[in-house]
């Protein structure tokens, strides 16, 4: 998969547009964000897409 310098995967962004939980899974794995976007997508599709894009585009917290 191609990714740019900041580590954001193009595949995750495209997946977030069509299947938001898949996009979050590709970027973050199974985390609470994955379950939140899954619930939002099941209830209303558009909020799921918005939350997925925000989650993917938000910088990840560094541990060190």
N, C-alpha and C. Protein backbone atom coordinates (compact mmCIF):
# COMPACT_ATOMS: atom_id res chain seq x y z
N UNK A 1 0.83 -1.17 0.00
CA UNK A 1 0.00 0.00 0.00
C UNK A 1 0.88 1.24 0.00
N UNK A 2 0.49 2.20 -0.75
CA UNK A 2 1.24 3.45 -0.80
C UNK A 2 0.73 4.37 0.29
N UNK A 3 1.66 5.04 0.93
CA UNK A 3 1.28 6.04 1.92
C UNK A 3 2.22 7.22 1.79
N UNK A 4 1.74 8.37 2.21
CA UNK A 4 2.58 9.54 2.12
C UNK A 4 3.46 9.66 3.37
N UNK A 5 4.20 10.74 3.47
CA UNK A 5 5.17 10.89 4.55
C UNK A 5 4.55 10.88 5.93
N UNK A 6 3.34 11.35 6.09
CA UNK A 6 2.72 11.41 7.41
C UNK A 6 2.13 10.07 7.84
N UNK A 7 2.14 9.09 6.99
CA UNK A 7 1.68 7.76 7.36
C UNK A 7 0.20 7.51 7.11
N UNK A 8 -0.47 8.44 6.46
CA UNK A 8 -1.89 8.25 6.16
C UNK A 8 -2.00 7.40 4.90
N UNK A 9 -2.70 6.30 5.00
CA UNK A 9 -2.85 5.38 3.88
C UNK A 9 -3.97 5.85 2.95
N UNK A 10 -3.67 5.89 1.66
CA UNK A 10 -4.69 6.26 0.68
C UNK A 10 -5.80 5.22 0.65
N UNK A 11 -5.44 3.96 0.86
CA UNK A 11 -6.45 2.90 0.86
C UNK A 11 -7.42 3.08 2.03
N UNK A 12 -6.92 3.53 3.17
CA UNK A 12 -7.80 3.73 4.32
C UNK A 12 -8.77 4.87 4.07
N UNK A 13 -8.32 5.92 3.40
CA UNK A 13 -9.21 7.05 3.10
C UNK A 13 -10.29 6.63 2.11
N UNK A 14 -9.91 5.91 1.07
CA UNK A 14 -10.89 5.45 0.08
C UNK A 14 -11.87 4.48 0.74
N UNK A 15 -11.36 3.58 1.56
CA UNK A 15 -12.24 2.63 2.25
C UNK A 15 -13.21 3.35 3.18
N UNK A 16 -12.75 4.44 3.82
CA UNK A 16 -13.61 5.19 4.73
C UNK A 16 -14.78 5.83 4.00
N UNK A 17 -14.60 6.15 2.75
CA UNK A 17 -15.69 6.75 1.98
C UNK A 17 -16.78 5.74 1.62
N UNK A 18 -16.40 4.49 1.41
CA UNK A 18 -17.36 3.47 0.99
C UNK A 18 -17.80 2.55 2.12
N UNK A 19 -16.87 2.22 3.02
CA UNK A 19 -17.16 1.34 4.15
C UNK A 19 -16.36 1.86 5.35
N UNK A 20 -16.92 2.82 6.08
CA UNK A 20 -16.16 3.52 7.13
C UNK A 20 -15.45 2.61 8.15
N UNK A 21 -16.08 1.55 8.67
CA UNK A 21 -15.35 0.73 9.63
C UNK A 21 -14.08 0.09 9.04
N UNK A 22 -14.12 -0.25 7.77
CA UNK A 22 -12.93 -0.83 7.14
C UNK A 22 -11.80 0.19 7.09
N UNK A 23 -12.12 1.42 6.77
CA UNK A 23 -11.10 2.46 6.73
C UNK A 23 -10.44 2.67 8.08
N UNK A 24 -11.24 2.71 9.14
CA UNK A 24 -10.67 2.88 10.49
C UNK A 24 -9.87 1.65 10.88
N UNK A 25 -10.35 0.47 10.53
CA UNK A 25 -9.62 -0.76 10.83
C UNK A 25 -8.25 -0.77 10.15
N UNK A 26 -8.20 -0.36 8.88
CA UNK A 26 -6.93 -0.34 8.16
C UNK A 26 -5.94 0.64 8.78
N UNK A 27 -6.45 1.74 9.32
CA UNK A 27 -5.57 2.77 9.87
C UNK A 27 -5.23 2.54 11.34
N UNK A 28 -6.20 2.13 12.15
CA UNK A 28 -5.99 2.05 13.59
C UNK A 28 -6.11 0.64 14.17
N UNK A 29 -6.74 -0.28 13.44
CA UNK A 29 -6.98 -1.61 14.00
C UNK A 29 -8.29 -1.62 14.79
N UNK A 30 -8.47 -2.68 15.59
CA UNK A 30 -9.70 -2.78 16.38
C UNK A 30 -9.48 -2.01 17.68
N UNK A 31 -9.97 -0.80 17.69
CA UNK A 31 -9.86 0.11 18.83
C UNK A 31 -11.26 0.62 19.15
N UNK A 32 -11.42 1.40 20.21
CA UNK A 32 -12.74 1.97 20.47
C UNK A 32 -13.27 2.80 19.30
N UNK A 33 -12.38 3.46 18.56
CA UNK A 33 -12.82 4.24 17.39
C UNK A 33 -13.47 3.34 16.35
N UNK A 34 -12.96 2.12 16.19
CA UNK A 34 -13.56 1.18 15.25
C UNK A 34 -15.00 0.86 15.63
N UNK A 35 -15.22 0.62 16.92
CA UNK A 35 -16.58 0.28 17.37
C UNK A 35 -17.52 1.47 17.28
N UNK A 36 -17.00 2.67 17.54
CA UNK A 36 -17.83 3.88 17.44
C UNK A 36 -18.25 4.09 15.99
N UNK A 37 -17.30 3.98 15.06
CA UNK A 37 -17.64 4.19 13.64
C UNK A 37 -18.56 3.09 13.13
N UNK A 38 -18.43 1.89 13.66
CA UNK A 38 -19.33 0.81 13.26
C UNK A 38 -20.76 1.13 13.70
N UNK A 39 -20.91 1.59 14.94
CA UNK A 39 -22.26 1.94 15.43
C UNK A 39 -22.83 3.11 14.65
N UNK A 40 -22.02 4.15 14.40
CA UNK A 40 -22.51 5.29 13.64
C UNK A 40 -22.92 4.90 12.22
N UNK A 41 -22.14 4.00 11.61
CA UNK A 41 -22.45 3.58 10.24
C UNK A 41 -23.74 2.77 10.20
N UNK A 42 -23.94 1.93 11.20
CA UNK A 42 -25.17 1.14 11.24
C UNK A 42 -26.40 2.02 11.48
N UNK A 43 -26.23 3.06 12.29
CA UNK A 43 -27.37 3.95 12.57
C UNK A 43 -27.60 4.92 11.41
N UNK A 44 -26.56 5.64 11.04
CA UNK A 44 -26.64 6.65 9.97
C UNK A 44 -25.32 6.61 9.22
N UNK A 45 -25.35 6.46 7.93
CA UNK A 45 -24.14 6.27 7.14
C UNK A 45 -23.24 7.51 7.12
N UNK A 46 -23.81 8.68 6.89
CA UNK A 46 -23.01 9.90 6.72
C UNK A 46 -22.20 10.25 7.98
N UNK A 47 -22.78 10.21 9.19
CA UNK A 47 -21.94 10.46 10.37
C UNK A 47 -20.81 9.44 10.52
N UNK A 48 -21.05 8.21 10.10
CA UNK A 48 -20.00 7.20 10.14
C UNK A 48 -18.84 7.56 9.22
N UNK A 49 -19.17 8.06 8.03
CA UNK A 49 -18.13 8.47 7.08
C UNK A 49 -17.35 9.65 7.64
N UNK A 50 -18.05 10.63 8.19
CA UNK A 50 -17.38 11.82 8.74
C UNK A 50 -16.47 11.43 9.90
N UNK A 51 -16.97 10.62 10.81
CA UNK A 51 -16.15 10.20 11.95
C UNK A 51 -14.95 9.39 11.49
N UNK A 52 -15.12 8.53 10.51
CA UNK A 52 -14.00 7.74 10.00
C UNK A 52 -12.93 8.63 9.39
N UNK A 53 -13.33 9.61 8.59
CA UNK A 53 -12.35 10.50 7.97
C UNK A 53 -11.62 11.33 9.02
N UNK A 54 -12.34 11.82 10.01
CA UNK A 54 -11.70 12.59 11.08
C UNK A 54 -10.71 11.71 11.84
N UNK A 55 -11.10 10.48 12.13
CA UNK A 55 -10.23 9.56 12.86
C UNK A 55 -8.97 9.23 12.06
N UNK A 56 -9.13 9.01 10.77
CA UNK A 56 -7.98 8.65 9.94
C UNK A 56 -7.05 9.84 9.73
N UNK A 57 -7.61 11.02 9.53
CA UNK A 57 -6.79 12.19 9.24
C UNK A 57 -6.19 12.83 10.49
N UNK A 58 -6.72 12.50 11.67
CA UNK A 58 -6.17 13.05 12.92
C UNK A 58 -4.83 12.37 13.21
N UNK A 59 -3.82 13.14 13.59
CA UNK A 59 -2.52 12.51 13.90
C UNK A 59 -2.64 11.54 15.08
N UNK A 60 -1.90 10.45 15.00
CA UNK A 60 -1.90 9.47 16.07
C UNK A 60 -1.05 9.99 17.22
N UNK A 61 -1.45 9.64 18.44
CA UNK A 61 -0.70 10.05 19.62
C UNK A 61 0.61 9.28 19.67
N UNK A 62 1.67 9.97 19.99
CA UNK A 62 2.98 9.30 20.13
C UNK A 62 3.17 8.86 21.57
N UNK A 63 3.74 7.68 21.76
CA UNK A 63 3.92 7.14 23.09
C UNK A 63 5.21 7.64 23.75
N UNK A 64 6.16 8.09 22.96
CA UNK A 64 7.44 8.50 23.55
C UNK A 64 7.65 9.98 23.48
